[in-house]
C-alpha atoms as a PDB file:
ATOM      1  CA  MET A   1      83.798 -20.409 -90.510  1.00  0.00           C
ATOM      2  CA  LYS A   2      85.279 -17.349 -92.188  1.00  0.00           C
ATOM      3  CA  ASN A   3      82.755 -15.054 -90.441  1.00  0.00           C
ATOM      4  CA  LEU A   4      83.785 -16.595 -87.116  1.00  0.00           C
ATOM      5  CA  PHE A   5      87.534 -15.930 -87.835  1.00  0.00           C
ATOM      6  CA  ASN A   6      86.702 -12.402 -88.808  1.00  0.00           C
ATOM      7  CA  LEU A   7      84.796 -11.789 -85.647  1.00  0.00           C
ATOM      8  CA  ILE A   8      87.767 -13.101 -83.521  1.00  0.00           C
ATOM      9  CA  VAL A   9      90.197 -10.857 -85.463  1.00  0.00           C
ATOM     10  CA  ASP A  10      87.966  -7.742 -85.151  1.00  0.00           C
ATOM     11  CA  GLY A  11      87.679  -8.500 -81.413  1.00  0.00           C
ATOM     12  CA  LEU A  12      91.506  -8.541 -80.897  1.00  0.00           C
ATOM     13  CA  THR A  13      92.461  -5.834 -83.382  1.00  0.00           C
ATOM     14  CA  TYR A  14      91.157  -2.629 -85.072  1.00  0.00           C
ATOM     15  CA  LYS A  15      91.799  -0.718 -88.317  1.00  0.00           C
ATOM     16  CA  ASP A  16      93.132   2.830 -88.395  1.00  0.00           C
ATOM     17  CA  LEU A  17      92.121   5.396 -90.953  1.00  0.00           C
ATOM     18  CA  ALA A  18      94.686   4.034 -93.392  1.00  0.00           C
ATOM     19  CA  GLY A  19      93.236   0.497 -93.137  1.00  0.00           C
ATOM     20  CA  ASN A  20      96.134  -0.846 -91.126  1.00  0.00           C
ATOM     21  CA  ARG A  21      95.330  -3.352 -88.286  1.00  0.00           C
ATOM     22  CA  HIS A  22      96.619  -2.805 -84.713  1.00  0.00           C
ATOM     23  CA  PRO A  23      96.182  -4.901 -81.486  1.00  0.00           C
ATOM     24  CA  ARG A  24      93.620  -3.624 -79.092  1.00  0.00           C
ATOM     25  CA  VAL A  25      94.921  -2.497 -75.644  1.00  0.00           C
ATOM     26  CA  TYR A  26      93.434  -5.441 -73.700  1.00  0.00           C
ATOM     27  CA  THR A  27      94.957  -7.777 -76.259  1.00  0.00           C
ATOM     28  CA  VAL A  28      98.439  -6.468 -75.515  1.00  0.00           C
ATOM     29  CA  LEU A  29      97.810  -6.693 -71.799  1.00  0.00           C
ATOM     30  CA  THR A  30      96.640 -10.347 -72.100  1.00  0.00           C
ATOM     31  CA  ILE A  31      99.751 -11.291 -74.146  1.00  0.00           C
ATOM     32  CA  LEU A  32     101.933  -9.654 -71.583  1.00  0.00           C
ATOM     33  CA  ILE A  33     100.247 -11.492 -68.558  1.00  0.00           C
ATOM     34  CA  LEU A  34     100.481 -14.862 -70.375  1.00  0.00           C
ATOM     35  CA  LEU A  35     104.196 -14.233 -71.084  1.00  0.00           C
ATOM     36  CA  PHE A  36     104.789 -13.307 -67.465  1.00  0.00           C
ATOM     37  CA  LEU A  37     103.004 -16.549 -66.306  1.00  0.00           C
ATOM     38  CA  ALA A  38     105.122 -18.672 -68.711  1.00  0.00           C
ATOM     39  CA  LEU A  39     108.327 -17.186 -67.321  1.00  0.00           C
ATOM     40  CA  LEU A  40     107.173 -17.804 -63.769  1.00  0.00           C
ATOM     41  CA  VAL A  41     106.240 -21.355 -64.383  1.00  0.00           C
ATOM     42  CA  SER A  42     109.769 -21.921 -66.104  1.00  0.00           C
ATOM     43  CA  PHE A  43     111.600 -20.323 -63.167  1.00  0.00           C
ATOM     44  CA  THR A  44     109.695 -22.398 -60.599  1.00  0.00           C
ATOM     45  CA  GLY A  45     110.474 -25.586 -62.482  1.00  0.00           C
ATOM     46  CA  GLN A  46     114.182 -24.741 -62.473  1.00  0.00           C
ATOM     47  CA  GLN A  47     114.110 -24.138 -58.733  1.00  0.00           C
ATOM     48  CA  ASN A  48     112.372 -27.499 -58.051  1.00  0.00           C
ATOM     49  CA  LYS A  49     114.863 -29.317 -60.167  1.00  0.00           C
ATOM     50  CA  ALA A  50     117.882 -27.667 -58.325  1.00  0.00           C
ATOM     51  CA  MET A  51     116.328 -28.676 -54.956  1.00  0.00           C
ATOM     52  CA  MET A  52     115.808 -32.263 -55.838  1.00  0.00           C
ATOM     53  CA  GLU A  53     119.347 -32.884 -57.330  1.00  0.00           C
ATOM     54  CA  PRO A  54     120.952 -33.469 -53.808  1.00  0.00           C
ATOM     55  CA  VAL A  55     118.174 -35.806 -52.747  1.00  0.00           C
ATOM     56  CA  GLN A  56     118.473 -37.936 -55.846  1.00  0.00           C
ATOM     57  CA  ALA A  57     122.211 -37.994 -55.811  1.00  0.00           C
ATOM     58  CA  THR A  58     124.263 -41.038 -54.463  1.00  0.00           C
ATOM     59  CA  PRO A  59     123.839 -41.314 -50.640  1.00  0.00           C
ATOM     60  CA  ALA A  60     126.917 -40.118 -48.639  1.00  0.00           C
ATOM     61  CA  PRO A  61     127.775 -40.992 -45.023  1.00  0.00           C
ATOM     62  CA  VAL A  62     126.482 -38.715 -42.352  1.00  0.00           C
ATOM     63  CA  GLN A  63     129.020 -37.344 -39.976  1.00  0.00           C
ATOM     64  CA  VAL A  64     127.615 -36.893 -36.500  1.00  0.00           C
ATOM     65  CA  THR A  65     129.416 -35.014 -33.832  1.00  0.00           C
ATOM     66  CA  LEU A  66     128.329 -35.716 -30.333  1.00  0.00           C
ATOM     67  CA  GLU A  67     128.492 -32.787 -28.074  1.00  0.00           C
ATOM     68  CA  PRO A  68     128.785 -33.367 -24.314  1.00  0.00           C
ATOM     69  CA  SER A  69     125.449 -32.660 -22.565  1.00  0.00           C
ATOM     70  CA  ALA A  70     124.405 -32.356 -18.974  1.00  0.00           C
ATOM     71  CA  SER A  71     123.609 -35.729 -17.351  1.00  0.00           C
ATOM     72  CA  PRO A  72     119.878 -36.071 -16.609  1.00  0.00           C
ATOM     73  CA  GLU A  73     118.850 -35.991 -12.930  1.00  0.00           C
ATOM     74  CA  PRO A  74     118.456 -39.591 -11.668  1.00  0.00           C
ATOM     75  CA  THR A  75     114.884 -40.403 -10.963  1.00  0.00           C
ATOM     76  CA  GLN A  76     114.124 -42.148  -7.572  1.00  0.00           C
ATOM     77  CA  ALA A  77     112.183 -45.393  -7.990  1.00  0.00           C
ATOM     78  CA  VAL A  78     109.093 -45.636  -5.801  1.00  0.00           C
ATOM     79  CA  THR A  79     109.392 -48.662  -3.623  1.00  0.00           C
ATOM     80  CA  GLU A  80     106.090 -50.002  -2.382  1.00  0.00           C
ATOM     81  CA  THR A  81     106.468 -51.702   1.136  1.00  0.00           C
ATOM     82  CA  CYS A  82     104.490 -54.671   2.123  1.00  0.00           C
ATOM     83  CA  PRO A  83     101.830 -53.903   4.626  1.00  0.00           C
ATOM     84  CA  ILE A  84     102.738 -55.272   8.046  1.00  0.00           C
ATOM     85  CA  ASN A  85      99.394 -54.606   9.727  1.00  0.00           C
ATOM     86  CA  PRO A  86      97.149 -57.631   9.148  1.00  0.00           C
ATOM     87  CA  ASN A  87      94.052 -55.296   9.124  1.00  0.00           C
ATOM     88  CA  ASP A  88      95.462 -54.162   5.743  1.00  0.00           C
ATOM     89  CA  TRP A  89      95.452 -57.714   4.322  1.00  0.00           C
ATOM     90  CA  SER A  90      92.537 -59.345   2.547  1.00  0.00           C
ATOM     91  CA  PHE A  91      91.634 -62.920   2.709  1.00  0.00           C
ATOM     92  CA  ALA A  92      90.289 -64.606  -0.474  1.00  0.00           C
ATOM     93  CA  ASP A  93      88.343 -67.907  -0.677  1.00  0.00           C
ATOM     94  CA  ILE A  94      90.147 -71.008  -2.206  1.00  0.00           C
ATOM     95  CA  LEU A  95      87.402 -73.427  -1.670  1.00  0.00           C
ATOM     96  CA  PRO A  96      83.804 -72.787  -0.794  1.00  0.00           C
ATOM     97  CA  ASP A  97      82.874 -73.152   2.930  1.00  0.00           C
ATOM     98  CA  ASP A  98      86.521 -73.587   3.886  1.00  0.00           C
ATOM     99  CA  ASN A  99      88.108 -71.662   6.668  1.00  0.00           C
ATOM    100  CA  PHE A 100      91.602 -71.659   5.006  1.00  0.00           C
ATOM    101  CA  LYS A 101      92.070 -68.584   2.790  1.00  0.00           C
ATOM    102  CA  ARG A 102      94.674 -66.998   0.569  1.00  0.00           C
ATOM    103  CA  ILE A 103      96.239 -63.707   1.814  1.00  0.00           C
ATOM    104  CA  GLU A 104      96.588 -60.681  -0.409  1.00  0.00           C
ATOM    105  CA  PRO A 105      99.066 -59.100  -1.079  1.00  0.00           C
ATOM    106  CA  ALA A 106     101.185 -62.136  -1.655  1.00  0.00           C
ATOM    107  CA  CYS A 107     104.228 -60.345  -0.328  1.00  0.00           C
ATOM    108  CA  VAL A 108     102.984 -61.227   3.181  1.00  0.00           C
ATOM    109  CA  TYR A 109     104.185 -64.729   2.491  1.00  0.00           C
ATOM    110  CA  ASP A 110     107.822 -63.606   2.265  1.00  0.00           C
ATOM    111  CA  GLY A 111     108.194 -63.263   5.957  1.00  0.00           C
ATOM    112  CA  LEU A 112     106.477 -66.557   6.558  1.00  0.00           C
ATOM    113  CA  SER A 113     108.746 -68.386   4.137  1.00  0.00           C
ATOM    114  CA  LYS A 114     111.859 -67.251   6.095  1.00  0.00           C
ATOM    115  CA  SER A 115     110.480 -68.782   9.254  1.00  0.00           C
ATOM    116  CA  VAL A 116     109.616 -71.998   7.319  1.00  0.00           C
ATOM    117  CA  ALA A 117     113.240 -72.022   6.037  1.00  0.00           C
ATOM    118  CA  TRP A 118     114.344 -72.070   9.689  1.00  0.00           C
ATOM    119  CA  ALA A 119     112.097 -75.046  10.398  1.00  0.00           C
ATOM    120  CA  LEU A 120     113.569 -76.813   7.431  1.00  0.00           C
ATOM    121  CA  ALA A 121     117.196 -76.005   8.277  1.00  0.00           C
ATOM    122  CA  VAL A 122     116.874 -77.476  11.792  1.00  0.00           C
ATOM    123  CA  ARG A 123     115.685 -80.646  10.284  1.00  0.00           C
ATOM    124  CA  SER A 124     118.486 -80.565   7.662  1.00  0.00           C
ATOM    125  CA  GLY A 125     121.581 -80.746  10.008  1.00  0.00           C
ATOM    126  CA  PHE A 126     121.790 -77.215  11.149  1.00  0.00           C
ATOM    127  CA  THR A 127     121.762 -76.542  14.909  1.00  0.00           C
ATOM    128  CA  ARG A 128     119.084 -74.079  16.147  1.00  0.00           C
ATOM    129  CA  SER A 129     121.718 -71.466  16.545  1.00  0.00           C
ATOM    130  CA  GLU A 130     123.336 -71.998  13.153  1.00  0.00           C
ATOM    131  CA  ALA A 131     120.008 -71.771  11.403  1.00  0.00           C
ATOM    132  CA  ALA A 132     118.958 -68.609  13.184  1.00  0.00           C
ATOM    133  CA  GLN A 133     122.340 -66.938  12.464  1.00  0.00           C
ATOM    134  CA  ALA A 134     122.274 -67.971   8.815  1.00  0.00           C
ATOM    135  CA  LEU A 135     118.835 -66.551   8.303  1.00  0.00           C
ATOM    136  CA  GLY A 136     119.344 -63.435  10.412  1.00  0.00           C
ATOM    137  CA  PHE A 137     117.056 -64.222  13.247  1.00  0.00           C
ATOM    138  CA  THR A 138     118.022 -62.884  16.680  1.00  0.00           C
ATOM    139  CA  ASP A 139     115.595 -65.165  18.397  1.00  0.00           C
ATOM    140  CA  PHE A 140     114.370 -68.708  17.279  1.00  0.00           C
ATOM    141  CA  PRO A 141     111.147 -68.214  15.281  1.00  0.00           C
ATOM    142  CA  MET A 142     109.238 -70.723  17.307  1.00  0.00           C
ATOM    143  CA  ARG A 143     107.188 -70.923  20.449  1.00  0.00           C
ATOM    144  CA  ARG A 144     107.040 -73.645  23.053  1.00  0.00           C
ATOM    145  CA  LEU A 145     103.388 -74.401  23.212  1.00  0.00           C
ATOM    146  CA  SER A 146     101.353 -77.511  24.116  1.00  0.00           C
ATOM    147  CA  GLU A 147      98.143 -76.282  22.310  1.00  0.00           C
ATOM    148  CA  VAL A 148      97.140 -73.563  19.984  1.00  0.00           C
ATOM    149  CA  MET A 149      93.711 -71.940  19.504  1.00  0.00           C
ATOM    150  CA  ALA A 150      93.067 -72.309  15.806  1.00  0.00           C
ATOM    151  CA  LEU A 151      90.652 -73.390  13.166  1.00  0.00           C
ATOM    152  CA  THR A 152      90.542 -76.468  11.129  1.00  0.00           C
ATOM    153  CA  ASP A 153      89.457 -76.262   7.490  1.00  0.00           C
ATOM    154  CA  THR A 154      85.762 -76.584   8.593  1.00  0.00           C
ATOM    155  CA  LYS A 155      85.613 -76.152  12.300  1.00  0.00           C
ATOM    156  CA  GLY A 156      86.736 -73.886  15.115  1.00  0.00           C
ATOM    157  CA  PRO A 157      87.961 -72.197  16.979  1.00  0.00           C
ATOM    158  CA  THR A 158      89.212 -75.052  19.055  1.00  0.00           C
ATOM    159  CA  ALA A 159      92.207 -75.911  21.141  1.00  0.00           C
ATOM    160  CA  LEU A 160      94.657 -78.083  18.993  1.00  0.00           C
ATOM    161  CA  ALA A 161      97.368 -80.127  20.716  1.00  0.00           C
ATOM    162  CA  VAL A 162     100.767 -79.520  19.191  1.00  0.00           C
ATOM    163  CA  SER A 163     104.269 -80.811  19.585  1.00  0.00           C
ATOM    164  CA  PHE A 164     107.341 -78.660  19.233  1.00  0.00           C
ATOM    165  CA  THR A 165     110.969 -79.145  18.263  1.00  0.00           C
ATOM    166  CA  PRO A 166     113.453 -78.942  21.190  1.00  0.00           C
ATOM    167  CA  PRO A 167     114.937 -75.382  21.228  1.00  0.00           C
ATOM    168  CA  HIS A 168     118.348 -76.450  22.471  1.00  0.00           C
ATOM    169  CA  PRO A 169     120.784 -74.127  20.582  1.00  0.00           C
ATOM    170  CA  ASP A 170     123.267 -76.987  19.771  1.00  0.00           C
ATOM    171  CA  PHE A 171     120.770 -79.704  18.940  1.00  0.00           C
ATOM    172  CA  ALA A 172     120.821 -81.026  15.280  1.00  0.00           C
ATOM    173  CA  GLU A 173     118.738 -83.460  13.350  1.00  0.00           C
ATOM    174  CA  TRP A 174     118.199 -84.763   9.885  1.00  0.00           C
ATOM    175  CA  ARG A 175     114.984 -86.192   8.380  1.00  0.00           C
ATOM    176  CA  VAL A 176     116.176 -88.545   5.645  1.00  0.00           C
ATOM    177  CA  THR A 177     115.530 -91.589   3.528  1.00  0.00           C
ATOM    178  CA  GLU A 178     117.512 -94.802   3.917  1.00  0.00           C
ATOM    179  CA  ASP A 179     119.987 -93.613   1.312  1.00  0.00           C
ATOM    180  CA  GLY A 180     120.491 -90.216   3.146  1.00  0.00           C
ATOM    181  CA  ARG A 181     118.366 -87.951   0.974  1.00  0.00           C
ATOM    182  CA  LEU A 182     116.471 -85.159   2.897  1.00  0.00           C
ATOM    183  CA  ALA A 183     112.896 -85.927   2.814  1.00  0.00           C
ATOM    184  CA  LEU A 184     110.872 -83.084   4.364  1.00  0.00           C
ATOM    185  CA  VAL A 185     108.363 -80.846   2.434  1.00  0.00           C
ATOM    186  CA  TYR A 186     106.157 -77.945   3.637  1.00  0.00           C
ATOM    187  CA  SER A 187     103.208 -76.774   1.545  1.00  0.00           C
ATOM    188  CA  MET A 188     100.717 -73.995   2.179  1.00  0.00           C
ATOM    189  CA  ARG A 189      97.258 -75.068   2.924  1.00  0.00           C
ATOM    190  CA  GLY A 190      95.654 -71.751   3.963  1.00  0.00           C
ATOM    191  CA  CYS A 191      95.431 -68.981   6.541  1.00  0.00           C
ATOM    192  CA  PHE A 192      92.750 -67.340   8.620  1.00  0.00           C
ATOM    193  CA  ARG A 193      92.109 -64.423  11.069  1.00  0.00           C
ATOM    194  CA  THR A 194      91.762 -65.289  14.709  1.00  0.00           C
ATOM    195  CA  TYR A 195      88.632 -63.281  15.356  1.00  0.00           C
ATOM    196  CA  GLU A 196      84.988 -63.436  14.631  1.00  0.00           C
ATOM    197  CA  VAL A 197      82.584 -60.619  13.984  1.00  0.00           C
ATOM    198  CA  VAL A 198      79.740 -60.378  16.369  1.00  0.00           C
ATOM    199  CA  GLY A 199      77.235 -57.647  15.518  1.00  0.00           C
ATOM    200  CA  ASN A 200      79.446 -54.885  14.280  1.00  0.00           C
ATOM    201  CA  GLN A 201      82.464 -55.707  16.474  1.00  0.00           C
ATOM    202  CA  ALA A 202      85.306 -58.067  15.914  1.00  0.00           C
ATOM    203  CA  GLN A 203      86.024 -60.303  18.919  1.00  0.00           C
ATOM    204  CA  SER A 204      89.505 -62.080  19.034  1.00  0.00           C
ATOM    205  CA  TRP A 205      89.713 -65.592  20.239  1.00  0.00           C
ATOM    206  CA  ASN A 206      93.606 -65.677  19.953  1.00  0.00           C
ATOM    207  CA  LYS A 207      95.066 -62.326  21.043  1.00  0.00           C
ATOM    208  CA  ASP A 208      98.610 -63.360  20.552  1.00  0.00           C
ATOM    209  CA  TYR A 209      98.361 -64.304  16.907  1.00  0.00           C
ATOM    210  CA  PRO A 210      95.923 -62.295  14.766  1.00  0.00           C
ATOM    211  CA  VAL A 211      96.627 -64.536  11.748  1.00  0.00           C
ATOM    212  CA  ILE A 212      97.577 -68.215  11.601  1.00  0.00           C
ATOM    213  CA  CYS A 213      98.663 -70.252   8.557  1.00  0.00           C
ATOM    214  CA  VAL A 214      98.400 -74.003   8.190  1.00  0.00           C
ATOM    215  CA  LEU A 215     101.070 -75.957   6.272  1.00  0.00           C
ATOM    216  CA  SER A 216     101.203 -79.601   5.427  1.00  0.00           C
ATOM    217  CA  GLU A 217     104.357 -81.096   6.783  1.00  0.00           C
ATOM    218  CA  ASP A 218     105.320 -84.221   4.758  1.00  0.00           C
ATOM    219  CA  SER A 219     108.037 -86.120   6.415  1.00  0.00           C
ATOM    220  CA  ALA A 220     108.824 -88.742   3.910  1.00  0.00           C
ATOM    221  CA  GLY A 221     111.954 -90.081   5.389  1.00  0.00           C
ATOM    222  CA  SER A 222     112.205 -93.330   7.306  1.00  0.00           C
ATOM    223  CA  GLN A 223     115.212 -92.299   9.323  1.00  0.00           C
ATOM    224  CA  ILE A 224     115.887 -89.523  11.771  1.00  0.00           C
ATOM    225  CA  VAL A 225     119.388 -88.715  12.857  1.00  0.00           C
ATOM    226  CA  PHE A 226     119.897 -86.792  16.034  1.00  0.00           C
ATOM    227  CA  LYS A 227     123.042 -85.062  17.242  1.00  0.00           C
ATOM    228  CA  LEU A 228     124.002 -83.408  20.493  1.00  0.00           C
ATOM    229  CA  ASP A 229     127.206 -82.980  22.532  1.00  0.00           C
ATOM    230  CA  GLY A 230     129.203 -85.308  20.454  1.00  0.00           C
ATOM    231  CA  HIS A 231     126.522 -88.080  20.552  1.00  0.00           C
ATOM    232  CA  THR A 232     124.665 -89.193  17.372  1.00  0.00           C
ATOM    233  CA  PHE A 233     121.735 -91.587  17.264  1.00  0.00           C
ATOM    234  CA  THR A 234     119.714 -92.805  14.242  1.00  0.00           C
ATOM    235  CA  SER A 235     116.113 -93.713  14.749  1.00  0.00           C
ATOM    236  CA  THR A 236     113.503 -95.310  12.392  1.00  0.00           C
ATOM    237  CA  ALA A 237     110.357 -93.265  11.659  1.00  0.00           C
ATOM    238  CA  GLU A 238     107.119 -93.830   9.672  1.00  0.00           C
ATOM    239  CA  PRO A 239     106.588 -91.318   6.787  1.00  0.00           C
ATOM    240  CA  THR A 240     103.661 -89.203   7.712  1.00  0.00           C
ATOM    241  CA  ARG A 241     101.847 -85.955   6.802  1.00  0.00           C
ATOM    242  CA  SER A 242     100.995 -83.573   9.649  1.00  0.00           C
ATOM    243  CA  SER A 243      99.898 -79.960   9.947  1.00  0.00           C
ATOM    244  CA  ALA A 244     102.290 -77.338  11.016  1.00  0.00           C
ATOM    245  CA  LEU A 245     100.902 -74.058  12.397  1.00  0.00           C
ATOM    246  CA  PHE A 246     102.726 -70.690  11.923  1.00  0.00           C
ATOM    247  CA  GLY A 247     101.372 -67.573  13.686  1.00  0.00           C
ATOM    248  CA  TYR A 248     101.831 -63.929  12.799  1.00  0.00           C
ATOM    249  CA  GLY A 249     102.616 -62.366  16.177  1.00  0.00           C
ATOM    250  CA  THR A 250     101.638 -58.863  17.416  1.00  0.00           C
ATOM    251  CA  ASP A 251     105.314 -58.005  17.018  1.00  0.00           C
ATOM    252  CA  GLY A 252     105.051 -58.483  13.233  1.00  0.00           C
ATOM    253  CA  ASN A 253     107.074 -61.719  13.056  1.00  0.00           C
ATOM    254  CA  TRP A 254     105.994 -65.168  11.892  1.00  0.00           C
ATOM    255  CA  VAL A 255     106.791 -67.921  14.394  1.00  0.00           C
ATOM    256  CA  TRP A 256     106.479 -71.768  14.272  1.00  0.00           C
ATOM    257  CA  LEU A 257     103.728 -72.631  16.870  1.00  0.00           C
ATOM    258  CA  GLY A 258     104.217 -76.359  16.611  1.00  0.00           C
ATOM    259  CA  THR A 259     102.963 -79.347  14.564  1.00  0.00           C
ATOM    260  CA  GLN A 260      99.483 -80.834  15.303  1.00  0.00           C
ATOM    261  CA  LYS A 261      99.585 -84.073  17.129  1.00  0.00           C
ATOM    262  CA  ASP A 262      96.444 -85.211  15.402  1.00  0.00           C
ATOM    263  CA  PRO A 263      95.650 -86.080  12.666  1.00  0.00           C
ATOM    264  CA  LYS A 264      98.773 -87.677  11.290  1.00  0.00           C
ATOM    265  CA  VAL A 265      98.216 -89.430   8.010  1.00  0.00           C
ATOM    266  CA  VAL A 266     100.574 -92.232   6.727  1.00  0.00           C
ATOM    267  CA  LEU A 267     102.062 -91.007   3.442  1.00  0.00           C
ATOM    268  CA  SER A 268     101.561 -94.254   1.713  1.00  0.00           C
ATOM    269  CA  THR A 269      97.878 -93.679   1.886  1.00  0.00           C
ATOM    270  CA  ILE A 270      98.190 -90.384  -0.106  1.00  0.00           C
ATOM    271  CA  PRO A 271      98.726 -91.189  -3.868  1.00  0.00           C
ATOM    272  CA  ASP A 272     101.354 -88.866  -5.312  1.00  0.00           C
ATOM    273  CA  PHE A 273     101.620 -86.824  -2.054  1.00  0.00           C
ATOM    274  CA  LEU A 274     104.378 -84.626  -3.550  1.00  0.00           C
ATOM    275  CA  ASP A 275     102.158 -83.708  -6.599  1.00  0.00           C
ATOM    276  CA  ASP A 276      99.415 -82.980  -4.182  1.00  0.00           C
ATOM    277  CA  ALA A 277     101.599 -80.676  -2.135  1.00  0.00           C
ATOM    278  CA  LYS A 278     102.694 -78.823  -5.349  1.00  0.00           C
ATOM    279  CA  VAL A 279      99.121 -78.413  -6.419  1.00  0.00           C
ATOM    280  CA  SER A 280      98.141 -76.992  -3.006  1.00  0.00           C
ATOM    281  CA  ALA A 281     101.082 -74.580  -2.953  1.00  0.00           C
ATOM    282  CA  GLY A 282     100.208 -73.445  -6.554  1.00  0.00           C
ATOM    283  CA  LEU A 283      96.795 -72.346  -5.459  1.00  0.00           C
ATOM    284  CA  PHE A 284      98.545 -69.622  -3.477  1.00  0.00           C
ATOM    285  CA  GLY A 285     101.184 -68.812  -6.078  1.00  0.00           C
ATOM    286  CA  LEU A 286     103.816 -70.409  -3.854  1.00  0.00           C
ATOM    287  CA  PRO A 287     106.397 -73.149  -4.326  1.00  0.00           C
ATOM    288  CA  VAL A 288     106.724 -76.260  -2.196  1.00  0.00           C
ATOM    289  CA  TRP A 289     109.223 -75.485   0.558  1.00  0.00           C
ATOM    290  CA  ASP A 290     111.813 -78.156   0.702  1.00  0.00           C
ATOM    291  CA  ALA A 291     115.663 -78.695   0.919  1.00  0.00           C
ATOM    292  CA  ALA A 292     116.135 -77.697  -2.804  1.00  0.00           C
ATOM    293  CA  TRP A 293     114.107 -74.461  -2.358  1.00  0.00           C
ATOM    294  CA  MET A 294     115.998 -73.650   0.874  1.00  0.00           C
ATOM    295  CA  GLY A 295     119.312 -74.053  -0.959  1.00  0.00           C
ATOM    296  CA  GLU A 296     118.293 -71.866  -3.906  1.00  0.00           C
ATOM    297  CA  LYS A 297     116.428 -69.214  -2.007  1.00  0.00           C
ATOM    298  CA  TYR A 298     118.639 -68.765   1.003  1.00  0.00           C
ATOM    299  CA  SER A 299     121.874 -70.494  -0.066  1.00  0.00           C
ATOM    300  CA  LEU A 300     121.581 -73.061   2.716  1.00  0.00           C
ATOM    301  CA  PRO A 301     122.447 -76.486   1.493  1.00  0.00           C
ATOM    302  CA  ALA A 302     121.840 -79.196   4.004  1.00  0.00           C
ATOM    303  CA  LYS A 303     124.531 -80.254   6.309  1.00  0.00           C
ATOM    304  CA  THR A 304     126.487 -83.435   5.575  1.00  0.00           C
ATOM    305  CA  LEU A 305     125.362 -86.440   7.540  1.00  0.00           C
ATOM    306  CA  PRO A 306     127.804 -87.856  10.265  1.00  0.00           C
ATOM    307  CA  GLU A 307     130.114 -90.515   8.910  1.00  0.00           C
ATOM    308  CA  GLY A 308     128.562 -93.982   9.504  1.00  0.00           C
ATOM    309  CA  TRP A 309     125.253 -92.577  10.563  1.00  0.00           C
ATOM    310  CA  GLN A 310     123.286 -95.671   9.392  1.00  0.00           C
ATOM    311  CA  ASN A 311     124.976 -97.681  12.225  1.00  0.00           C
ATOM    312  CA  MET A 312     124.729 -95.192  14.985  1.00  0.00           C
ATOM    313  CA  ASN A 313     121.921 -96.775  17.041  1.00  0.00           C
ATOM    314  CA  SER A 314     123.604 -97.201  20.399  1.00  0.00           C
ATOM    315  CA  GLU A 315     121.211 -96.915  23.288  1.00  0.00           C
ATOM    316  CA  SER A 316     123.767 -95.050  25.375  1.00  0.00           C
ATOM    317  CA  ASP A 317     124.047 -92.257  22.764  1.00  0.00           C
ATOM    318  CA  ARG A 318     120.212 -92.075  22.637  1.00  0.00           C
ATOM    319  CA  GLN A 319     120.030 -91.669  26.305  1.00  0.00           C
ATOM    320  CA  ALA A 320     122.756 -89.143  26.452  1.00  0.00           C
ATOM    321  CA  ILE A 321     120.879 -87.003  23.888  1.00  0.00           C
ATOM    322  CA  LEU A 322     117.652 -87.288  25.749  1.00  0.00           C
ATOM    323  CA  ASP A 323     119.402 -86.378  28.983  1.00  0.00           C
ATOM    324  CA  GLY A 324     120.999 -83.264  27.413  1.00  0.00           C
ATOM    325  CA  LEU A 325     117.553 -82.106  26.039  1.00  0.00           C
ATOM    326  CA  ASN A 326     115.766 -82.771  29.281  1.00  0.00           C
ATOM    327  CA  THR A 327     118.386 -80.837  31.306  1.00  0.00           C
ATOM    328  CA  PHE A 328     118.068 -77.908  29.033  1.00  0.00           C
ATOM    329  CA  MET A 329     114.282 -77.902  29.057  1.00  0.00           C
ATOM    330  CA  SER A 330     114.195 -78.109  32.859  1.00  0.00           C
ATOM    331  CA  GLN A 331     116.460 -75.055  33.124  1.00  0.00           C
ATOM    332  CA  LYS A 332     114.168 -73.182  30.853  1.00  0.00           C
END
């Protein structure tokens, strides 16, 4: 151990001629370097401590001054318009081997629903003119036809006999229950193109209406109130389900083409007919179209029934109304 110590001492120092020990040059340099490193570490530690003191101090509220800045340029939203050309629409199957389809995009139904609202309004006490004005129509969205070339759900094309509502501008009617509640509901059943593809060409079999939609028309009321030229007459009616046809014309407007005369199904034979209508409409992502929908969608609450309407069954009033309608139709 003593020899090891002597070796270390001899390595770090040397003896002069007088026998005194002195540090070697590299020993002095090493001591100076170590001293410098120690001072550097100490200085760095002091700097870090000084930097951390503000962070570790008690938090103080921050003062923020808002400087006025230039307003950002408004961005213009891109509005996608609904295609009006039926060639740009697609038709999706709802049920296999069924002619009635669902139209895509769904915005196509917006124009149709407005024409359906007119059909509801003229059965809710509005005259034909009042309903057209309230909904923004310049012409009544209907056609006077005795038959329509169309498809059924499984057959066609075929000529379907239809009836139409009298287009007298001042004629009004209500379809109601015995207690005066409006009882008319439309529900989407499906749509179809009015052409067939032969070879590689499309051949139209209804050039006036490239697309037709079929709606169920549930008239659940047992009373129909008619009003024209100051005469009012209340008639009884059997609640039935019929099929109403709406066509998309070449002018880009939906019009009521009439209601099929056959078949008409007695509503009492359809269990939960209203639920059935809702399910059918839901397949197309649509509501049922009834008086409540018309009031909410277009702010058109039904007109109030005439006072004492239940007892207005005079034959003279009925005949006066018929005469007024027949005179108008003969002039047209």
